[in-house]
Amino acid sequence: MGHLTSCGITHQTPHLALRQISLPSPKKKKKKKKKKKKKKKKKKKKKKKKKKKKKKKKKKKKKKKKKKKKKKKKKKKKKKKKKKKKKKKKKKTFQQRQPRKWKANAPNCEEWAVSAPCASSYNE
């Protein structure tokens, strides 16, 4: 672009041209274009990576779930066994473990309830 003067066309200085167009310098424009291209490439790569990661994660989750179920089953079995053992221990009292000693030290069965283990032997 140039001005029309009496001598003819004179070329504008670059700073005037920039003011008229009001755009950033060509160097800046090139940089922006490069950045945009890079961003586009990165986005495409990220999308591909995300898809792969999701597939891997799903597989891992399935495996983990199976393992957890197995562990839970094992734990439940162990708990049941422990409870049974405890019940057996609770059932055995001093009377059951050493009945002779208990009967020897027991007071008169008439004072005790009929459900006492020594009651039948005394009554007979």
N, C-alpha and C. Protein backbone atom coordinates (compact mmCIF):
# COMPACT_ATOMS: atom_id res chain seq x y z
N MET A 1 0.87 -1.20 0.00
CA MET A 1 0.00 0.00 0.00
C MET A 1 0.89 1.23 0.00
N GLY A 2 0.49 2.23 -0.75
CA GLY A 2 1.30 3.46 -0.82
C GLY A 2 0.43 4.69 -0.88
N HIS A 3 1.02 5.83 -0.60
CA HIS A 3 0.29 7.10 -0.69
C HIS A 3 0.40 7.65 -2.09
N LEU A 4 -0.61 8.37 -2.55
CA LEU A 4 -0.51 9.11 -3.82
C LEU A 4 -0.04 10.52 -3.50
N THR A 5 1.11 10.88 -3.98
CA THR A 5 1.62 12.25 -3.76
C THR A 5 1.86 12.91 -5.12
N SER A 6 2.33 14.16 -5.11
CA SER A 6 2.57 14.88 -6.37
C SER A 6 3.65 14.18 -7.19
N CYS A 7 4.62 13.52 -6.51
CA CYS A 7 5.70 12.85 -7.24
C CYS A 7 5.27 11.46 -7.71
N GLY A 8 4.22 10.91 -7.17
CA GLY A 8 3.82 9.57 -7.53
C GLY A 8 3.56 8.74 -6.25
N ILE A 9 3.76 7.46 -6.34
CA ILE A 9 3.48 6.57 -5.18
C ILE A 9 4.75 6.43 -4.33
N THR A 10 4.60 6.66 -3.01
CA THR A 10 5.73 6.44 -2.09
C THR A 10 5.36 5.25 -1.20
N HIS A 11 6.32 4.47 -0.91
CA HIS A 11 6.05 3.28 -0.09
C HIS A 11 5.89 3.69 1.37
N GLN A 12 4.95 3.06 2.04
CA GLN A 12 4.74 3.35 3.46
C GLN A 12 5.82 2.66 4.30
N THR A 13 6.10 3.26 5.45
CA THR A 13 7.03 2.61 6.38
C THR A 13 6.29 1.47 7.07
N PRO A 14 6.99 0.43 7.51
CA PRO A 14 6.30 -0.74 8.08
C PRO A 14 5.44 -0.40 9.30
N HIS A 15 5.90 0.55 10.15
CA HIS A 15 5.10 0.84 11.33
C HIS A 15 3.77 1.49 10.97
N LEU A 16 3.74 2.30 9.90
CA LEU A 16 2.47 2.91 9.47
C LEU A 16 1.54 1.82 8.95
N ALA A 17 2.09 0.90 8.18
CA ALA A 17 1.26 -0.17 7.62
C ALA A 17 0.64 -0.98 8.76
N LEU A 18 1.41 -1.25 9.78
CA LEU A 18 0.90 -2.02 10.91
C LEU A 18 -0.24 -1.28 11.60
N ARG A 19 -0.07 0.01 11.74
CA ARG A 19 -1.11 0.79 12.40
C ARG A 19 -2.42 0.72 11.62
N GLN A 20 -2.33 0.80 10.30
CA GLN A 20 -3.54 0.78 9.49
C GLN A 20 -4.25 -0.58 9.57
N ILE A 21 -3.50 -1.63 9.48
CA ILE A 21 -4.11 -2.97 9.49
C ILE A 21 -4.50 -3.36 10.92
N SER A 22 -3.72 -2.88 11.89
CA SER A 22 -3.90 -3.20 13.32
C SER A 22 -3.88 -4.71 13.57
N LEU A 23 -2.82 -5.33 13.07
CA LEU A 23 -2.60 -6.77 13.32
C LEU A 23 -1.22 -6.95 13.94
N PRO A 24 -0.99 -8.03 14.66
CA PRO A 24 0.35 -8.25 15.21
C PRO A 24 1.37 -8.48 14.11
N SER A 25 2.64 -8.34 14.45
CA SER A 25 3.70 -8.46 13.45
C SER A 25 3.70 -9.88 12.87
N PRO A 26 4.22 -10.01 11.63
CA PRO A 26 4.20 -11.33 11.00
C PRO A 26 4.95 -12.39 11.82
N LYS A 27 5.99 -12.01 12.56
CA LYS A 27 6.73 -12.96 13.39
C LYS A 27 5.79 -13.57 14.44
N LYS A 28 5.05 -12.73 15.12
CA LYS A 28 4.11 -13.21 16.14
C LYS A 28 3.08 -14.15 15.51
N LYS A 29 2.59 -13.79 14.36
CA LYS A 29 1.59 -14.62 13.68
C LYS A 29 2.14 -16.04 13.47
N LYS A 30 3.36 -16.12 12.99
CA LYS A 30 3.96 -17.42 12.73
C LYS A 30 4.03 -18.24 14.02
N LYS A 31 4.43 -17.60 15.11
CA LYS A 31 4.53 -18.30 16.39
C LYS A 31 3.17 -18.86 16.80
N LYS A 32 2.15 -18.05 16.68
CA LYS A 32 0.81 -18.50 17.06
C LYS A 32 0.40 -19.71 16.23
N LYS A 33 0.66 -19.65 14.93
CA LYS A 33 0.30 -20.78 14.07
C LYS A 33 0.99 -22.05 14.54
N LYS A 34 2.27 -21.94 14.87
CA LYS A 34 3.02 -23.12 15.33
C LYS A 34 2.39 -23.68 16.60
N LYS A 35 2.07 -22.80 17.52
CA LYS A 35 1.46 -23.24 18.78
C LYS A 35 0.15 -23.98 18.53
N LYS A 36 -0.66 -23.44 17.66
CA LYS A 36 -1.94 -24.07 17.36
C LYS A 36 -1.73 -25.47 16.81
N LYS A 37 -0.78 -25.62 15.91
CA LYS A 37 -0.50 -26.93 15.33
C LYS A 37 -0.08 -27.91 16.42
N LYS A 38 0.79 -27.46 17.30
CA LYS A 38 1.26 -28.32 18.39
C LYS A 38 0.10 -28.75 19.26
N LYS A 39 -0.76 -27.81 19.61
CA LYS A 39 -1.90 -28.12 20.47
C LYS A 39 -2.78 -29.19 19.82
N LYS A 40 -3.04 -29.04 18.53
CA LYS A 40 -3.89 -30.01 17.83
C LYS A 40 -3.27 -31.40 17.92
N LYS A 41 -1.98 -31.48 17.67
CA LYS A 41 -1.29 -32.78 17.72
C LYS A 41 -1.40 -33.38 19.11
N LYS A 42 -1.17 -32.56 20.12
CA LYS A 42 -1.22 -33.06 21.50
C LYS A 42 -2.60 -33.60 21.82
N LYS A 43 -3.61 -32.87 21.41
CA LYS A 43 -4.98 -33.31 21.70
C LYS A 43 -5.25 -34.68 21.10
N LYS A 44 -4.83 -34.87 19.87
CA LYS A 44 -5.05 -36.17 19.21
C LYS A 44 -4.34 -37.28 19.98
N LYS A 45 -3.10 -37.03 20.37
CA LYS A 45 -2.33 -38.04 21.11
C LYS A 45 -3.02 -38.35 22.43
N LYS A 46 -3.46 -37.33 23.12
CA LYS A 46 -4.11 -37.52 24.42
C LYS A 46 -5.35 -38.39 24.27
N LYS A 47 -6.14 -38.13 23.27
CA LYS A 47 -7.36 -38.92 23.08
C LYS A 47 -7.02 -40.39 22.90
N LYS A 48 -6.03 -40.67 22.08
CA LYS A 48 -5.63 -42.06 21.84
C LYS A 48 -5.16 -42.70 23.15
N LYS A 49 -4.33 -41.99 23.88
CA LYS A 49 -3.80 -42.51 25.15
C LYS A 49 -4.93 -42.79 26.12
N LYS A 50 -5.87 -41.87 26.21
CA LYS A 50 -6.98 -42.03 27.15
C LYS A 50 -7.76 -43.31 26.84
N LYS A 51 -8.03 -43.55 25.57
CA LYS A 51 -8.78 -44.74 25.18
C LYS A 51 -8.03 -46.00 25.62
N LYS A 52 -6.73 -46.02 25.38
CA LYS A 52 -5.93 -47.19 25.76
C LYS A 52 -5.95 -47.37 27.27
N LYS A 53 -5.78 -46.28 27.98
CA LYS A 53 -5.75 -46.35 29.44
C LYS A 53 -7.07 -46.88 29.98
N LYS A 54 -8.16 -46.40 29.43
CA LYS A 54 -9.48 -46.85 29.91
C LYS A 54 -9.61 -48.36 29.76
N LYS A 55 -9.20 -48.88 28.62
CA LYS A 55 -9.30 -50.32 28.39
C LYS A 55 -8.47 -51.08 29.43
N LYS A 56 -7.26 -50.61 29.66
CA LYS A 56 -6.38 -51.26 30.63
C LYS A 56 -7.00 -51.21 32.02
N LYS A 57 -7.53 -50.06 32.39
CA LYS A 57 -8.12 -49.89 33.71
C LYS A 57 -9.28 -50.86 33.90
N LYS A 58 -10.11 -51.00 32.89
CA LYS A 58 -11.27 -51.90 33.00
C LYS A 58 -10.79 -53.33 33.28
N LYS A 59 -9.77 -53.76 32.56
CA LYS A 59 -9.25 -55.12 32.75
C LYS A 59 -8.73 -55.27 34.17
N LYS A 60 -7.98 -54.28 34.63
CA LYS A 60 -7.41 -54.34 35.99
C LYS A 60 -8.52 -54.39 37.02
N LYS A 61 -9.55 -53.58 36.84
CA LYS A 61 -10.65 -53.54 37.80
C LYS A 61 -11.32 -54.91 37.90
N LYS A 62 -11.54 -55.55 36.77
CA LYS A 62 -12.18 -56.87 36.77
C LYS A 62 -11.33 -57.86 37.57
N LYS A 63 -10.03 -57.84 37.34
CA LYS A 63 -9.14 -58.75 38.05
C LYS A 63 -9.20 -58.47 39.54
N LYS A 64 -9.16 -57.20 39.90
CA LYS A 64 -9.19 -56.81 41.31
C LYS A 64 -10.47 -57.29 41.97
N LYS A 65 -11.58 -57.12 41.29
CA LYS A 65 -12.87 -57.54 41.84
C LYS A 65 -12.86 -59.03 42.14
N LYS A 66 -12.35 -59.82 41.21
CA LYS A 66 -12.29 -61.27 41.40
C LYS A 66 -11.46 -61.60 42.63
N LYS A 67 -10.31 -60.95 42.74
CA LYS A 67 -9.42 -61.20 43.87
C LYS A 67 -10.12 -60.84 45.18
N LYS A 68 -10.78 -59.70 45.19
CA LYS A 68 -11.48 -59.25 46.39
C LYS A 68 -12.55 -60.26 46.81
N LYS A 69 -13.30 -60.76 45.85
CA LYS A 69 -14.35 -61.73 46.16
C LYS A 69 -13.75 -62.97 46.80
N LYS A 70 -12.67 -63.44 46.25
CA LYS A 70 -12.01 -64.63 46.80
C LYS A 70 -11.56 -64.37 48.23
N LYS A 71 -10.96 -63.21 48.44
CA LYS A 71 -10.48 -62.86 49.78
C LYS A 71 -11.64 -62.80 50.76
N LYS A 72 -12.72 -62.19 50.36
CA LYS A 72 -13.89 -62.08 51.24
C LYS A 72 -14.41 -63.46 51.63
N LYS A 73 -14.49 -64.36 50.67
CA LYS A 73 -14.97 -65.71 50.95
C LYS A 73 -14.07 -66.38 51.98
N LYS A 74 -12.77 -66.26 51.78
CA LYS A 74 -11.82 -66.87 52.71
C LYS A 74 -12.02 -66.30 54.11
N LYS A 75 -12.14 -65.00 54.19
CA LYS A 75 -12.32 -64.35 55.49
C LYS A 75 -13.59 -64.86 56.17
N LYS A 76 -14.66 -64.96 55.43
CA LYS A 76 -15.93 -65.43 55.99
C LYS A 76 -15.76 -66.83 56.58
N LYS A 77 -15.11 -67.70 55.84
CA LYS A 77 -14.90 -69.08 56.30
C LYS A 77 -14.11 -69.08 57.61
N LYS A 78 -13.07 -68.28 57.65
CA LYS A 78 -12.24 -68.21 58.85
C LYS A 78 -13.08 -67.73 60.04
N LYS A 79 -13.88 -66.72 59.83
CA LYS A 79 -14.72 -66.18 60.90
C LYS A 79 -15.67 -67.25 61.43
N LYS A 80 -16.28 -67.98 60.53
CA LYS A 80 -17.22 -69.03 60.94
C LYS A 80 -16.52 -70.07 61.81
N LYS A 81 -15.34 -70.48 61.40
CA LYS A 81 -14.58 -71.47 62.16
C LYS A 81 -14.28 -70.94 63.56
N LYS A 82 -13.87 -69.70 63.63
CA LYS A 82 -13.54 -69.11 64.93
C LYS A 82 -14.77 -69.10 65.83
N LYS A 83 -15.90 -68.72 65.28
CA LYS A 83 -17.13 -68.67 66.08
C LYS A 83 -17.48 -70.05 66.63
N LYS A 84 -17.35 -71.07 65.81
CA LYS A 84 -17.65 -72.43 66.25
C LYS A 84 -16.75 -72.82 67.42
N LYS A 85 -15.48 -72.51 67.29
CA LYS A 85 -14.53 -72.84 68.35
C LYS A 85 -14.93 -72.15 69.66
N LYS A 86 -15.28 -70.90 69.54
CA LYS A 86 -15.68 -70.13 70.73
C LYS A 86 -16.90 -70.76 71.39
N LYS A 87 -17.85 -71.16 70.57
CA LYS A 87 -19.07 -71.77 71.11
C LYS A 87 -18.72 -73.05 71.88
N LYS A 88 -17.83 -73.85 71.31
CA LYS A 88 -17.42 -75.10 71.97
C LYS A 88 -16.79 -74.79 73.33
N LYS A 89 -15.95 -73.79 73.35
CA LYS A 89 -15.29 -73.42 74.59
C LYS A 89 -16.31 -72.94 75.63
N LYS A 90 -17.28 -72.18 75.17
CA LYS A 90 -18.29 -71.64 76.09
C LYS A 90 -19.14 -72.77 76.68
N LYS A 91 -19.45 -73.76 75.88
CA LYS A 91 -20.31 -74.86 76.34
C LYS A 91 -19.66 -75.60 77.51
N LYS A 92 -18.35 -75.81 77.44
CA LYS A 92 -17.67 -76.58 78.49
C LYS A 92 -17.49 -75.69 79.73
N THR A 93 -18.16 -76.07 80.81
CA THR A 93 -17.99 -75.35 82.07
C THR A 93 -17.15 -76.21 83.00
N PHE A 94 -16.96 -75.73 84.20
CA PHE A 94 -16.18 -76.50 85.19
C PHE A 94 -16.86 -77.84 85.48
N GLN A 95 -18.19 -77.82 85.53
CA GLN A 95 -18.95 -79.05 85.82
C GLN A 95 -18.72 -80.09 84.72
N GLN A 96 -18.65 -79.62 83.48
CA GLN A 96 -18.49 -80.56 82.37
C GLN A 96 -17.06 -81.07 82.26
N ARG A 97 -16.11 -80.17 82.53
CA ARG A 97 -14.70 -80.56 82.39
C ARG A 97 -14.27 -81.52 83.51
N GLN A 98 -14.63 -81.17 84.76
CA GLN A 98 -14.24 -82.04 85.89
C GLN A 98 -15.46 -82.32 86.76
N PRO A 99 -16.34 -83.22 86.31
CA PRO A 99 -17.58 -83.45 87.03
C PRO A 99 -17.38 -84.06 88.43
N ARG A 100 -16.37 -84.92 88.57
CA ARG A 100 -16.15 -85.56 89.88
C ARG A 100 -15.81 -84.52 90.94
N LYS A 101 -14.88 -83.62 90.59
CA LYS A 101 -14.47 -82.59 91.54
C LYS A 101 -15.67 -81.73 91.91
N TRP A 102 -16.46 -81.37 90.91
CA TRP A 102 -17.58 -80.45 91.13
C TRP A 102 -18.61 -81.13 92.05
N LYS A 103 -18.87 -82.40 91.76
CA LYS A 103 -19.87 -83.12 92.58
C LYS A 103 -19.39 -83.24 94.02
N ALA A 104 -18.09 -83.44 94.20
CA ALA A 104 -17.54 -83.60 95.54
C ALA A 104 -17.65 -82.30 96.32
N ASN A 105 -17.42 -81.18 95.63
CA ASN A 105 -17.44 -79.88 96.30
C ASN A 105 -18.83 -79.25 96.32
N ALA A 106 -19.77 -79.85 95.61
CA ALA A 106 -21.09 -79.23 95.48
C ALA A 106 -21.85 -79.32 96.81
N PRO A 107 -22.63 -78.28 97.13
CA PRO A 107 -23.45 -78.34 98.33
C PRO A 107 -24.65 -79.26 98.10
N ASN A 108 -25.53 -79.38 99.06
CA ASN A 108 -26.69 -80.28 98.92
C ASN A 108 -27.49 -79.91 97.69
N CYS A 109 -27.81 -80.92 96.89
CA CYS A 109 -28.49 -80.67 95.62
C CYS A 109 -29.92 -80.20 95.84
N GLU A 110 -30.48 -80.45 97.01
CA GLU A 110 -31.87 -80.00 97.24
C GLU A 110 -31.94 -78.48 97.21
N GLU A 111 -30.84 -77.82 97.60
CA GLU A 111 -30.81 -76.34 97.56
C GLU A 111 -30.67 -75.86 96.11
N TRP A 112 -30.00 -76.68 95.27
CA TRP A 112 -29.77 -76.27 93.88
C TRP A 112 -31.01 -76.54 93.04
N ALA A 113 -31.01 -75.98 91.86
CA ALA A 113 -32.14 -76.20 90.94
C ALA A 113 -32.09 -77.64 90.44
N VAL A 114 -33.22 -78.12 89.95
CA VAL A 114 -33.30 -79.51 89.47
C VAL A 114 -32.42 -79.71 88.25
N SER A 115 -32.13 -78.60 87.51
CA SER A 115 -31.36 -78.70 86.26
C SER A 115 -29.88 -78.96 86.54
N ALA A 116 -29.45 -78.88 87.80
CA ALA A 116 -28.04 -79.11 88.11
C ALA A 116 -27.64 -80.52 87.73
N PRO A 117 -26.40 -80.71 87.22
CA PRO A 117 -26.01 -82.04 86.73
C PRO A 117 -25.96 -83.10 87.83
N CYS A 118 -25.74 -82.69 89.11
CA CYS A 118 -25.61 -83.68 90.19
C CYS A 118 -26.98 -84.06 90.78
N ALA A 119 -28.03 -83.40 90.39
CA ALA A 119 -29.35 -83.60 91.01
C ALA A 119 -29.82 -85.04 90.86
N SER A 120 -29.64 -85.59 89.67
CA SER A 120 -30.17 -86.94 89.42
C SER A 120 -29.43 -87.97 90.28
N SER A 121 -28.12 -87.78 90.43
CA SER A 121 -27.34 -88.77 91.18
C SER A 121 -27.72 -88.73 92.67
N TYR A 122 -28.04 -87.56 93.21
CA TYR A 122 -28.40 -87.43 94.63
C TYR A 122 -29.80 -87.97 94.89
N ASN A 123 -30.70 -87.71 93.94
CA ASN A 123 -32.10 -88.11 94.13
C ASN A 123 -32.25 -89.63 94.16
N GLU A 124 -31.41 -90.31 93.41
CA GLU A 124 -31.57 -91.77 93.32
C GLU A 124 -31.16 -92.47 94.61
